[in-house]
Protein backbone atom coordinates (compact mmCIF):
# COMPACT_ATOMS: atom_id res chain seq x y z
CA MET A 1 101.86 90.93 85.18
CA SER A 2 100.37 94.27 86.20
CA VAL A 3 97.95 92.60 88.61
CA TRP A 4 100.80 90.67 90.21
CA ILE A 5 102.88 93.86 90.65
CA ARG A 6 99.93 95.66 92.22
CA GLN A 7 99.28 92.81 94.67
CA PHE A 8 102.99 92.57 95.51
CA HIS A 9 103.04 96.34 96.15
CA ARG A 10 100.11 96.07 98.55
CA TRP A 11 101.63 93.26 100.60
CA THR A 12 105.03 94.92 100.62
CA SER A 13 103.47 98.11 101.96
CA ILE A 14 101.90 96.15 104.82
CA ILE A 15 105.23 94.56 105.69
CA PHE A 16 106.99 97.93 105.43
CA THR A 17 104.46 99.53 107.78
CA LEU A 18 104.88 96.73 110.31
CA THR A 19 108.68 97.03 110.27
CA VAL A 20 108.46 100.79 110.81
CA ILE A 21 106.06 100.30 113.73
CA ALA A 22 108.37 97.65 115.21
CA ASN A 23 111.26 100.06 114.83
CA PHE A 24 109.45 102.74 116.86
CA VAL A 25 108.38 100.24 119.52
CA VAL A 26 111.94 99.01 120.01
CA ARG A 27 113.22 102.60 120.12
CA ALA A 28 110.78 103.39 122.93
CA PHE A 29 112.50 100.92 125.23
CA GLN A 30 116.15 100.88 124.16
CA GLU A 31 118.60 101.76 121.43
CA PRO A 32 117.84 99.23 118.68
CA PRO A 33 120.49 97.11 117.00
CA MET A 34 121.49 98.13 113.48
CA TRP A 35 119.47 95.37 111.79
CA VAL A 36 116.25 96.68 113.39
CA THR A 37 117.04 100.22 112.33
CA TYR A 38 117.66 99.27 108.72
CA SER A 39 115.04 96.51 108.40
CA PRO A 40 112.44 98.73 106.63
CA LEU A 41 114.86 99.76 103.86
CA PRO A 42 114.63 96.68 101.57
CA PHE A 43 110.84 96.96 101.61
CA LEU A 44 111.06 100.70 100.94
CA PHE A 45 113.18 100.07 97.83
CA LEU A 46 110.73 97.41 96.63
CA LEU A 47 107.89 99.89 97.13
CA LEU A 48 109.84 102.51 95.18
CA PHE A 49 110.35 100.27 92.16
CA THR A 50 106.84 98.81 92.08
CA GLY A 51 105.33 102.26 92.66
CA LEU A 52 107.32 103.75 89.80
CA TYR A 53 106.23 100.89 87.55
CA MET A 54 102.56 101.48 88.39
CA PHE A 55 103.03 105.24 87.93
CA VAL A 56 104.49 104.85 84.43
CA LEU A 57 102.03 102.17 83.30
CA PRO A 58 99.18 104.52 82.19
CA TYR A 59 101.60 106.73 80.24
CA ALA A 60 103.10 103.72 78.47
CA ALA A 61 99.59 102.52 77.55
CA LYS A 62 98.76 105.96 76.11
CA GLY A 63 101.94 105.85 74.05
CA ARG A 64 101.06 102.41 72.67
CA LEU A 65 97.54 103.53 71.77
CA ALA A 66 98.85 106.66 70.03
CA ARG A 67 101.26 104.61 67.93
CA GLN A 68 98.51 102.18 66.88
CA SER A 69 96.24 104.98 65.61
């Protein structure tokens, strides 16, 4: 499961970066529609949750090892 989350986080970060770049490109030429402005947000929330999961993972493993000893 951890490997899948890490891979998902990587691909989501690529998509997030592309949507942010597209947002800036559209803004250079005109005022973007609302859906372009807010298009990076779903990917940002996914990155937040997967990043928090990966951040907590080592601490949870330490807790499990301490309880086993």
